[in-house]
Amino acid sequence: MAKELEFIKGVDKLHAFYTEHVRMLAHAYELSDEQAAMVLDRFDFKNVARSILRPPRVDLFEPPPEL
């Protein structure tokens, strides 16, 4: 079970970094988080649409922790 839990923790970290990159991409296209979430939801990226509206969970300027 420990191996599976570590896997889930790793996936959670990757998802957090992915979400922050999507947020940065939206800002590069001059979309607010809310506008980006609506576009993402319309194209069935529902998990990212929800996640982008939450506060950031990672600092992109720090190296990711070892998995």
N, C-alpha and C. Protein backbone atom coordinates (compact mmCIF):
# COMPACT_ATOMS: atom_id res chain seq x y z
N MET A 1 0.82 -1.21 0.00
CA MET A 1 0.00 0.00 0.00
C MET A 1 0.86 1.26 0.00
N ALA A 2 2.05 1.21 0.61
CA ALA A 2 2.91 2.40 0.66
C ALA A 2 3.32 2.84 -0.74
N LYS A 3 3.59 1.87 -1.61
CA LYS A 3 3.99 2.19 -2.98
C LYS A 3 2.86 2.91 -3.71
N GLU A 4 1.64 2.45 -3.52
CA GLU A 4 0.49 3.07 -4.17
C GLU A 4 0.26 4.48 -3.64
N LEU A 5 0.43 4.67 -2.33
CA LEU A 5 0.24 5.99 -1.73
C LEU A 5 1.29 6.97 -2.26
N GLU A 6 2.52 6.52 -2.40
CA GLU A 6 3.57 7.38 -2.95
C GLU A 6 3.27 7.72 -4.41
N PHE A 7 2.72 6.78 -5.14
CA PHE A 7 2.31 7.03 -6.53
C PHE A 7 1.25 8.13 -6.58
N ILE A 8 0.24 8.03 -5.72
CA ILE A 8 -0.83 9.04 -5.67
C ILE A 8 -0.26 10.41 -5.30
N LYS A 9 0.66 10.45 -4.36
CA LYS A 9 1.29 11.72 -3.99
C LYS A 9 2.05 12.31 -5.17
N GLY A 10 2.74 11.47 -5.93
CA GLY A 10 3.45 11.94 -7.11
C GLY A 10 2.51 12.49 -8.16
N VAL A 11 1.40 11.80 -8.39
CA VAL A 11 0.40 12.25 -9.37
C VAL A 11 -0.18 13.59 -8.92
N ASP A 12 -0.44 13.73 -7.63
CA ASP A 12 -0.97 14.98 -7.09
C ASP A 12 0.00 16.13 -7.35
N LYS A 13 1.28 15.91 -7.13
CA LYS A 13 2.29 16.95 -7.37
C LYS A 13 2.36 17.30 -8.86
N LEU A 14 2.34 16.30 -9.71
CA LEU A 14 2.38 16.57 -11.15
C LEU A 14 1.15 17.36 -11.59
N HIS A 15 -0.01 17.01 -11.07
CA HIS A 15 -1.24 17.71 -11.42
C HIS A 15 -1.16 19.17 -10.98
N ALA A 16 -0.59 19.42 -9.81
CA ALA A 16 -0.44 20.79 -9.32
C ALA A 16 0.47 21.60 -10.24
N PHE A 17 1.59 21.02 -10.65
CA PHE A 17 2.50 21.72 -11.57
C PHE A 17 1.84 21.93 -12.93
N TYR A 18 1.14 20.93 -13.42
CA TYR A 18 0.44 21.04 -14.70
C TYR A 18 -0.58 22.18 -14.65
N THR A 19 -1.33 22.25 -13.56
CA THR A 19 -2.34 23.30 -13.41
C THR A 19 -1.70 24.68 -13.44
N GLU A 20 -0.57 24.83 -12.78
CA GLU A 20 0.10 26.13 -12.77
C GLU A 20 0.61 26.50 -14.17
N HIS A 21 1.05 25.52 -14.92
CA HIS A 21 1.49 25.81 -16.29
C HIS A 21 0.31 26.21 -17.16
N VAL A 22 -0.83 25.58 -16.97
CA VAL A 22 -2.03 25.96 -17.71
C VAL A 22 -2.44 27.38 -17.33
N ARG A 23 -2.35 27.72 -16.05
CA ARG A 23 -2.68 29.06 -15.59
C ARG A 23 -1.75 30.09 -16.26
N MET A 24 -0.46 29.80 -16.31
CA MET A 24 0.49 30.71 -16.95
C MET A 24 0.19 30.85 -18.44
N LEU A 25 -0.17 29.76 -19.09
CA LEU A 25 -0.51 29.81 -20.50
C LEU A 25 -1.74 30.69 -20.72
N ALA A 26 -2.73 30.54 -19.87
CA ALA A 26 -3.94 31.37 -19.97
C ALA A 26 -3.58 32.84 -19.84
N HIS A 27 -2.72 33.16 -18.89
CA HIS A 27 -2.33 34.56 -18.70
C HIS A 27 -1.53 35.06 -19.89
N ALA A 28 -0.75 34.20 -20.52
CA ALA A 28 -0.01 34.60 -21.71
C ALA A 28 -0.97 34.97 -22.85
N TYR A 29 -2.13 34.36 -22.87
CA TYR A 29 -3.14 34.68 -23.87
C TYR A 29 -4.13 35.72 -23.36
N GLU A 30 -3.75 36.37 -22.25
CA GLU A 30 -4.54 37.44 -21.65
C GLU A 30 -5.94 36.99 -21.25
N LEU A 31 -6.03 35.76 -20.76
CA LEU A 31 -7.29 35.24 -20.23
C LEU A 31 -7.20 35.24 -18.71
N SER A 32 -8.27 35.65 -18.07
CA SER A 32 -8.32 35.54 -16.61
C SER A 32 -8.50 34.07 -16.25
N ASP A 33 -8.28 33.75 -14.99
CA ASP A 33 -8.50 32.37 -14.56
C ASP A 33 -9.93 31.93 -14.83
N GLU A 34 -10.88 32.84 -14.61
CA GLU A 34 -12.29 32.52 -14.82
C GLU A 34 -12.59 32.28 -16.31
N GLN A 35 -12.04 33.13 -17.17
CA GLN A 35 -12.25 32.95 -18.61
C GLN A 35 -11.63 31.64 -19.07
N ALA A 36 -10.42 31.37 -18.61
CA ALA A 36 -9.75 30.12 -18.99
C ALA A 36 -10.54 28.92 -18.51
N ALA A 37 -11.06 28.99 -17.29
CA ALA A 37 -11.85 27.88 -16.75
C ALA A 37 -13.09 27.61 -17.61
N MET A 38 -13.74 28.67 -18.07
CA MET A 38 -14.92 28.49 -18.92
C MET A 38 -14.55 27.83 -20.25
N VAL A 39 -13.45 28.27 -20.85
CA VAL A 39 -13.00 27.67 -22.11
C VAL A 39 -12.64 26.20 -21.89
N LEU A 40 -11.88 25.93 -20.85
CA LEU A 40 -11.48 24.56 -20.55
C LEU A 40 -12.69 23.67 -20.31
N ASP A 41 -13.66 24.17 -19.58
CA ASP A 41 -14.87 23.40 -19.29
C ASP A 41 -15.64 23.10 -20.58
N ARG A 42 -15.70 24.08 -21.45
CA ARG A 42 -16.42 23.90 -22.72
C ARG A 42 -15.81 22.79 -23.56
N PHE A 43 -14.48 22.61 -23.45
CA PHE A 43 -13.80 21.58 -24.22
C PHE A 43 -13.52 20.33 -23.40
N ASP A 44 -14.25 20.19 -22.31
CA ASP A 44 -14.26 18.97 -21.48
C ASP A 44 -12.97 18.74 -20.70
N PHE A 45 -12.25 19.81 -20.38
CA PHE A 45 -11.10 19.72 -19.48
C PHE A 45 -11.58 20.11 -18.08
N LYS A 46 -12.54 19.36 -17.58
CA LYS A 46 -13.25 19.74 -16.36
C LYS A 46 -12.35 19.76 -15.12
N ASN A 47 -11.47 18.81 -14.98
CA ASN A 47 -10.60 18.79 -13.80
C ASN A 47 -9.69 20.02 -13.77
N VAL A 48 -9.13 20.38 -14.91
CA VAL A 48 -8.24 21.53 -14.96
C VAL A 48 -9.06 22.82 -14.79
N ALA A 49 -10.25 22.85 -15.35
CA ALA A 49 -11.12 24.03 -15.20
C ALA A 49 -11.40 24.30 -13.73
N ARG A 50 -11.66 23.26 -12.96
CA ARG A 50 -11.90 23.43 -11.52
C ARG A 50 -10.61 23.82 -10.81
N SER A 51 -9.53 23.15 -11.15
CA SER A 51 -8.26 23.36 -10.45
C SER A 51 -7.71 24.76 -10.67
N ILE A 52 -7.89 25.30 -11.85
CA ILE A 52 -7.31 26.60 -12.16
C ILE A 52 -7.95 27.71 -11.32
N LEU A 53 -9.14 27.47 -10.80
CA LEU A 53 -9.82 28.47 -9.99
C LEU A 53 -9.41 28.42 -8.52
N ARG A 54 -8.70 27.39 -8.13
CA ARG A 54 -8.21 27.28 -6.75
C ARG A 54 -6.88 28.02 -6.63
N PRO A 55 -6.51 28.39 -5.40
CA PRO A 55 -5.20 29.03 -5.21
C PRO A 55 -4.08 28.08 -5.61
N PRO A 56 -2.96 28.62 -6.09
CA PRO A 56 -1.82 27.77 -6.48
C PRO A 56 -1.36 26.91 -5.31
N ARG A 57 -0.96 25.69 -5.61
CA ARG A 57 -0.48 24.76 -4.60
C ARG A 57 1.02 24.52 -4.69
N VAL A 58 1.65 25.10 -5.69
CA VAL A 58 3.08 24.91 -5.88
C VAL A 58 3.73 26.24 -6.22
N ASP A 59 5.02 26.33 -5.95
CA ASP A 59 5.81 27.48 -6.35
C ASP A 59 6.68 27.02 -7.52
N LEU A 60 6.43 27.56 -8.69
CA LEU A 60 7.14 27.11 -9.88
C LEU A 60 8.61 27.51 -9.88
N PHE A 61 9.01 28.37 -8.98
CA PHE A 61 10.40 28.80 -8.93
C PHE A 61 11.24 27.93 -8.01
N GLU A 62 10.61 27.00 -7.35
CA GLU A 62 11.35 26.03 -6.54
C GLU A 62 11.42 24.73 -7.32
N PRO A 63 12.54 24.03 -7.22
CA PRO A 63 12.60 22.75 -7.93
C PRO A 63 11.59 21.77 -7.33
N PRO A 64 10.99 20.93 -8.16
CA PRO A 64 10.03 19.96 -7.65
C PRO A 64 10.71 18.98 -6.70
N PRO A 65 9.98 18.51 -5.69
CA PRO A 65 10.57 17.55 -4.77
C PRO A 65 10.86 16.24 -5.47
N GLU A 66 11.82 15.52 -4.94
CA GLU A 66 12.17 14.20 -5.50
C GLU A 66 10.98 13.26 -5.33
N LEU A 67 10.68 12.53 -6.36
CA LEU A 67 9.57 11.56 -6.29
C LEU A 67 10.06 10.23 -5.82
